[in-house]
Amino acid sequence: MGVNKATLIKWGSGVKLETINRYALELEPLQEKYYVSKKKRIGLFGEQLVRLKEGFAARDLSEISTEKLYDITMKTAASLKRGVTPNHFKRSE
């Protein structure tokens, strides 16, 4: 091939980074389509939490135990909180 080993290693690093980034770009639309992206999950859990809170405000809460209402609200809020993570972008070195 007539190329220095160090040059080949440098090229390989560039190709590896490009491959990782392209994979991420191709995966994102699929995640959006099938609601598995963090953004979609956060949106869905957030909407559900709002609806639950509105439903609780409109109901006679004597029909449902306080423990049950609290449990539903806390589980939904925890699901929403789990979805919030910082984004990590890869950069070339």
N, C-alpha and C. Protein backbone atom coordinates (compact mmCIF):
# COMPACT_ATOMS: atom_id res chain seq x y z
N MET A 1 0.82 -1.17 0.00
CA MET A 1 0.00 0.00 0.00
C MET A 1 0.88 1.26 0.00
N GLY A 2 2.02 1.16 0.61
CA GLY A 2 2.96 2.27 0.58
C GLY A 2 2.58 3.41 1.52
N VAL A 3 1.85 3.11 2.60
CA VAL A 3 1.43 4.15 3.55
C VAL A 3 1.99 3.82 4.91
N ASN A 4 2.47 4.82 5.60
CA ASN A 4 3.05 4.68 6.92
C ASN A 4 2.01 4.12 7.89
N LYS A 5 2.46 3.29 8.84
CA LYS A 5 1.57 2.67 9.82
C LYS A 5 0.83 3.74 10.64
N ALA A 6 1.53 4.77 11.05
CA ALA A 6 0.91 5.84 11.85
C ALA A 6 -0.21 6.53 11.07
N THR A 7 0.00 6.69 9.77
CA THR A 7 -1.04 7.30 8.92
C THR A 7 -2.26 6.41 8.86
N LEU A 8 -2.05 5.11 8.71
CA LEU A 8 -3.16 4.16 8.68
C LEU A 8 -3.95 4.18 9.99
N ILE A 9 -3.24 4.26 11.11
CA ILE A 9 -3.91 4.33 12.42
C ILE A 9 -4.73 5.60 12.53
N LYS A 10 -4.18 6.71 12.07
CA LYS A 10 -4.90 7.99 12.10
C LYS A 10 -6.15 7.92 11.24
N TRP A 11 -6.04 7.36 10.05
CA TRP A 11 -7.18 7.21 9.16
C TRP A 11 -8.25 6.33 9.83
N GLY A 12 -7.80 5.24 10.44
CA GLY A 12 -8.72 4.33 11.12
C GLY A 12 -9.50 5.02 12.23
N SER A 13 -8.83 5.87 12.99
CA SER A 13 -9.50 6.61 14.06
C SER A 13 -10.57 7.53 13.49
N GLY A 14 -10.25 8.19 12.40
CA GLY A 14 -11.22 9.09 11.75
C GLY A 14 -12.41 8.34 11.23
N VAL A 15 -12.17 7.18 10.64
CA VAL A 15 -13.26 6.37 10.09
C VAL A 15 -14.12 5.82 11.24
N LYS A 16 -13.50 5.44 12.34
CA LYS A 16 -14.25 4.91 13.48
C LYS A 16 -15.19 5.98 14.04
N LEU A 17 -14.69 7.19 14.22
CA LEU A 17 -15.52 8.29 14.73
C LEU A 17 -16.66 8.60 13.77
N GLU A 18 -16.35 8.64 12.49
CA GLU A 18 -17.38 8.91 11.48
C GLU A 18 -18.44 7.81 11.49
N THR A 19 -18.04 6.57 11.65
CA THR A 19 -18.97 5.44 11.69
C THR A 19 -19.89 5.54 12.89
N ILE A 20 -19.34 5.87 14.05
CA ILE A 20 -20.14 6.02 15.27
C ILE A 20 -21.17 7.12 15.09
N ASN A 21 -20.75 8.25 14.55
CA ASN A 21 -21.66 9.37 14.38
C ASN A 21 -22.74 9.08 13.33
N ARG A 22 -22.38 8.41 12.24
CA ARG A 22 -23.37 8.05 11.22
C ARG A 22 -24.39 7.06 11.79
N TYR A 23 -23.92 6.12 12.58
CA TYR A 23 -24.83 5.16 13.21
C TYR A 23 -25.84 5.89 14.09
N ALA A 24 -25.35 6.84 14.88
CA ALA A 24 -26.24 7.62 15.75
C ALA A 24 -27.26 8.40 14.92
N LEU A 25 -26.83 8.97 13.81
CA LEU A 25 -27.75 9.73 12.95
C LEU A 25 -28.80 8.83 12.30
N GLU A 26 -28.43 7.60 11.96
CA GLU A 26 -29.38 6.67 11.36
C GLU A 26 -30.34 6.09 12.40
N LEU A 27 -29.86 5.94 13.62
CA LEU A 27 -30.67 5.35 14.69
C LEU A 27 -31.74 6.32 15.20
N GLU A 28 -31.44 7.60 15.20
CA GLU A 28 -32.35 8.60 15.75
C GLU A 28 -33.75 8.58 15.12
N PRO A 29 -33.87 8.57 13.77
CA PRO A 29 -35.23 8.54 13.19
C PRO A 29 -36.01 7.27 13.55
N LEU A 30 -35.31 6.16 13.67
CA LEU A 30 -36.00 4.92 14.05
C LEU A 30 -36.51 5.01 15.49
N GLN A 31 -35.70 5.58 16.36
CA GLN A 31 -36.12 5.74 17.75
C GLN A 31 -37.33 6.67 17.83
N GLU A 32 -37.31 7.73 17.07
CA GLU A 32 -38.44 8.66 17.04
C GLU A 32 -39.70 7.96 16.53
N LYS A 33 -39.54 7.20 15.46
CA LYS A 33 -40.69 6.53 14.84
C LYS A 33 -41.36 5.55 15.80
N TYR A 34 -40.56 4.81 16.55
CA TYR A 34 -41.10 3.79 17.43
C TYR A 34 -41.15 4.21 18.89
N TYR A 35 -41.07 5.52 19.14
CA TYR A 35 -41.23 6.08 20.48
C TYR A 35 -40.25 5.52 21.50
N VAL A 36 -39.05 5.23 21.08
CA VAL A 36 -38.06 4.75 22.04
C VAL A 36 -36.98 5.79 22.32
N SER A 37 -37.08 6.94 21.67
CA SER A 37 -36.09 7.97 21.95
C SER A 37 -36.40 8.61 23.29
N LYS A 38 -35.38 9.12 23.93
CA LYS A 38 -35.56 9.77 25.23
C LYS A 38 -36.52 10.95 25.11
N LYS A 39 -36.39 11.68 24.03
CA LYS A 39 -37.25 12.85 23.83
C LYS A 39 -38.72 12.43 23.81
N LYS A 40 -39.04 11.38 23.06
CA LYS A 40 -40.42 10.90 22.98
C LYS A 40 -40.91 10.37 24.32
N ARG A 41 -40.06 9.59 25.01
CA ARG A 41 -40.45 9.04 26.31
C ARG A 41 -40.71 10.16 27.30
N ILE A 42 -39.84 11.15 27.32
CA ILE A 42 -40.03 12.28 28.24
C ILE A 42 -41.34 12.98 27.92
N GLY A 43 -41.60 13.20 26.64
CA GLY A 43 -42.85 13.84 26.24
C GLY A 43 -44.07 13.03 26.65
N LEU A 44 -44.02 11.73 26.42
CA LEU A 44 -45.16 10.87 26.75
C LEU A 44 -45.40 10.81 28.25
N PHE A 45 -44.32 10.63 29.04
CA PHE A 45 -44.47 10.60 30.49
C PHE A 45 -44.92 11.95 31.03
N GLY A 46 -44.42 13.03 30.46
CA GLY A 46 -44.82 14.36 30.89
C GLY A 46 -46.30 14.59 30.63
N GLU A 47 -46.77 14.21 29.45
CA GLU A 47 -48.20 14.35 29.13
C GLU A 47 -49.05 13.50 30.07
N GLN A 48 -48.57 12.29 30.34
CA GLN A 48 -49.32 11.41 31.24
C GLN A 48 -49.39 12.01 32.64
N LEU A 49 -48.30 12.58 33.11
CA LEU A 49 -48.27 13.18 34.43
C LEU A 49 -49.24 14.36 34.52
N VAL A 50 -49.27 15.19 33.48
CA VAL A 50 -50.20 16.32 33.44
C VAL A 50 -51.64 15.82 33.49
N ARG A 51 -51.96 14.80 32.68
CA ARG A 51 -53.32 14.26 32.66
C ARG A 51 -53.71 13.66 34.01
N LEU A 52 -52.75 12.98 34.64
CA LEU A 52 -53.03 12.42 35.96
C LEU A 52 -53.33 13.52 36.97
N LYS A 53 -52.51 14.55 36.96
CA LYS A 53 -52.72 15.66 37.91
C LYS A 53 -54.06 16.34 37.64
N GLU A 54 -54.41 16.55 36.37
CA GLU A 54 -55.70 17.16 36.03
C GLU A 54 -56.85 16.25 36.46
N GLY A 55 -56.68 14.96 36.24
CA GLY A 55 -57.71 14.00 36.64
C GLY A 55 -57.90 13.98 38.14
N PHE A 56 -56.80 14.05 38.87
CA PHE A 56 -56.90 14.06 40.33
C PHE A 56 -57.58 15.34 40.82
N ALA A 57 -57.31 16.45 40.18
CA ALA A 57 -57.90 17.73 40.57
C ALA A 57 -59.41 17.74 40.33
N ALA A 58 -59.86 17.03 39.31
CA ALA A 58 -61.28 17.03 38.95
C ALA A 58 -62.09 15.97 39.68
N ARG A 59 -61.44 15.08 40.36
CA ARG A 59 -62.15 13.94 40.98
C ARG A 59 -62.42 14.18 42.45
N ASP A 60 -63.39 13.45 42.89
CA ASP A 60 -63.63 13.35 44.32
C ASP A 60 -62.65 12.30 44.83
N LEU A 61 -61.61 12.76 45.45
CA LEU A 61 -60.53 11.85 45.83
C LEU A 61 -60.90 10.90 46.97
N SER A 62 -62.07 11.06 47.50
CA SER A 62 -62.50 10.15 48.57
C SER A 62 -62.76 8.75 48.00
N GLU A 63 -62.97 8.66 46.69
CA GLU A 63 -63.23 7.37 46.06
C GLU A 63 -61.96 6.52 45.93
N ILE A 64 -60.83 7.20 45.85
CA ILE A 64 -59.55 6.51 45.66
C ILE A 64 -58.67 6.79 46.87
N SER A 65 -58.00 5.74 47.32
CA SER A 65 -57.16 5.93 48.50
C SER A 65 -56.02 6.90 48.21
N THR A 66 -55.66 7.67 49.20
CA THR A 66 -54.56 8.62 49.06
C THR A 66 -53.28 7.89 48.70
N GLU A 67 -53.10 6.73 49.28
CA GLU A 67 -51.91 5.92 49.01
C GLU A 67 -51.82 5.56 47.52
N LYS A 68 -52.94 5.17 46.94
CA LYS A 68 -52.96 4.79 45.52
C LYS A 68 -52.68 5.99 44.63
N LEU A 69 -53.31 7.13 44.90
CA LEU A 69 -53.07 8.33 44.11
C LEU A 69 -51.60 8.76 44.21
N TYR A 70 -51.08 8.75 45.40
CA TYR A 70 -49.69 9.13 45.62
C TYR A 70 -48.76 8.17 44.87
N ASP A 71 -49.05 6.89 44.95
CA ASP A 71 -48.23 5.88 44.28
C ASP A 71 -48.19 6.08 42.77
N ILE A 72 -49.33 6.32 42.17
CA ILE A 72 -49.41 6.54 40.72
C ILE A 72 -48.62 7.78 40.32
N THR A 73 -48.81 8.86 41.08
CA THR A 73 -48.12 10.11 40.77
C THR A 73 -46.61 9.97 40.91
N MET A 74 -46.16 9.33 41.97
CA MET A 74 -44.72 9.18 42.20
C MET A 74 -44.07 8.26 41.16
N LYS A 75 -44.74 7.21 40.77
CA LYS A 75 -44.20 6.32 39.74
C LYS A 75 -44.08 7.03 38.40
N THR A 76 -45.07 7.81 38.07
CA THR A 76 -45.02 8.55 36.80
C THR A 76 -43.93 9.60 36.84
N ALA A 77 -43.82 10.32 37.94
CA ALA A 77 -42.77 11.33 38.08
C ALA A 77 -41.38 10.70 38.03
N ALA A 78 -41.23 9.53 38.65
CA ALA A 78 -39.94 8.83 38.62
C ALA A 78 -39.59 8.38 37.21
N SER A 79 -40.57 7.92 36.47
CA SER A 79 -40.33 7.52 35.08
C SER A 79 -39.88 8.71 34.25
N LEU A 80 -40.50 9.85 34.49
CA LEU A 80 -40.13 11.08 33.78
C LEU A 80 -38.70 11.49 34.16
N LYS A 81 -38.37 11.42 35.42
CA LYS A 81 -37.04 11.83 35.89
C LYS A 81 -35.95 10.92 35.33
N ARG A 82 -36.24 9.62 35.21
CA ARG A 82 -35.25 8.67 34.67
C ARG A 82 -34.90 9.01 33.23
N GLY A 83 -35.84 9.58 32.50
CA GLY A 83 -35.61 9.90 31.10
C GLY A 83 -34.73 11.12 30.88
N VAL A 84 -34.49 11.89 31.93
CA VAL A 84 -33.71 13.12 31.79
C VAL A 84 -32.25 12.82 32.06
N THR A 85 -31.46 12.83 31.00
CA THR A 85 -30.02 12.62 31.12
C THR A 85 -29.31 13.59 30.19
N PRO A 86 -28.08 13.95 30.53
CA PRO A 86 -27.36 14.88 29.65
C PRO A 86 -27.00 14.21 28.33
N ASN A 87 -26.94 15.00 27.28
CA ASN A 87 -26.52 14.49 25.98
C ASN A 87 -25.00 14.42 25.91
N HIS A 88 -24.50 13.42 25.22
CA HIS A 88 -23.07 13.24 25.05
C HIS A 88 -22.75 13.21 23.56
N PHE A 89 -21.93 14.12 23.12
CA PHE A 89 -21.51 14.15 21.72
C PHE A 89 -20.06 13.73 21.64
N LYS A 90 -19.73 13.01 20.62
CA LYS A 90 -18.35 12.58 20.41
C LYS A 90 -17.68 13.59 19.50
N ARG A 91 -16.42 13.88 19.80
CA ARG A 91 -15.62 14.80 18.99
C ARG A 91 -14.34 14.12 18.58
N SER A 92 -13.82 14.59 17.48
CA SER A 92 -12.52 14.05 17.08
C SER A 92 -11.48 14.62 18.01
N GLU A 93 -10.44 13.87 18.21
CA GLU A 93 -9.39 14.28 19.17
C GLU A 93 -8.38 15.16 18.53
